[in-house]
């Protein structure tokens, strides 16, 4: 069970405040953004390389 699922379950059971759910949501969003940035880095590097080699300009 993920942290968000666990926090939600504990909140629904009345064991934890809603703040714990919000904190778990924020952590999940941060992790998802980091994963997207990590996956995007090679694409950005490839585009920069192509541009520096003279490609990627305007269509002729």
Protein backbone atom coordinates (compact mmCIF):
# COMPACT_ATOMS: atom_id res chain seq x y z
CA UNK A 1 0.00 0.00 0.00
CA UNK A 2 1.38 3.43 -0.94
CA UNK A 3 1.82 6.30 1.47
CA UNK A 4 -1.16 8.18 0.05
CA UNK A 5 -3.40 5.12 0.29
CA UNK A 6 -2.25 4.50 3.84
CA UNK A 7 -2.76 8.14 4.87
CA UNK A 8 -6.22 8.16 3.28
CA UNK A 9 -7.21 4.94 5.03
CA UNK A 10 -5.98 6.24 8.39
CA UNK A 11 -7.87 9.52 7.84
CA UNK A 12 -11.08 7.70 6.89
CA UNK A 13 -10.73 5.54 10.01
CA UNK A 14 -10.42 8.68 12.12
CA UNK A 15 -6.86 7.91 13.18
CA UNK A 16 -5.05 10.81 11.48
CA UNK A 17 -5.87 14.38 10.48
CA UNK A 18 -6.52 15.46 6.90
CA UNK A 19 -3.15 17.23 6.91
CA UNK A 20 -1.42 13.84 6.67
CA UNK A 21 -3.37 13.08 3.48
CA UNK A 22 -2.43 16.45 2.00
CA UNK A 23 1.21 15.91 2.92
CA UNK A 24 1.17 12.48 1.27
CA UNK A 25 -0.45 14.00 -1.85
CA UNK A 26 2.25 16.68 -2.01
CA UNK A 27 5.00 14.07 -1.66
CA UNK A 28 3.46 11.96 -4.42
CA UNK A 29 3.21 14.98 -6.74
CA UNK A 30 6.81 15.90 -6.03
CA UNK A 31 7.96 12.37 -6.82
CA UNK A 32 5.93 12.30 -10.04
CA UNK A 33 7.40 15.63 -11.16
CA UNK A 34 10.92 14.37 -10.44
CA UNK A 35 10.23 11.24 -12.50
CA UNK A 36 8.99 13.31 -15.44
CA UNK A 37 12.04 15.57 -15.26
CA UNK A 38 14.33 12.54 -15.11
CA UNK A 39 12.70 11.00 -18.19
CA UNK A 40 12.80 14.32 -20.04
CA UNK A 41 16.55 14.96 -19.55
CA UNK A 42 17.77 12.67 -22.37
CA UNK A 43 15.25 14.20 -24.79
CA UNK A 44 16.36 17.73 -23.95
CA UNK A 45 20.02 16.73 -24.27
CA UNK A 46 19.36 15.15 -27.68
CA UNK A 47 17.56 18.25 -28.91
CA UNK A 48 20.41 20.47 -27.70
CA UNK A 49 22.96 18.24 -29.42
CA UNK A 50 21.06 18.31 -32.70
CA UNK A 51 20.75 22.08 -32.51
CA UNK A 52 24.46 22.51 -31.78
CA UNK A 53 25.29 20.33 -34.80
CA UNK A 54 23.25 22.62 -37.03
CA UNK A 55 20.00 20.70 -37.10
CA UNK A 56 16.63 21.52 -35.67
CA UNK A 57 16.36 24.89 -37.37
CA UNK A 58 13.63 26.22 -39.60
CA UNK A 59 12.22 24.03 -42.33
CA UNK A 60 13.42 24.98 -45.82
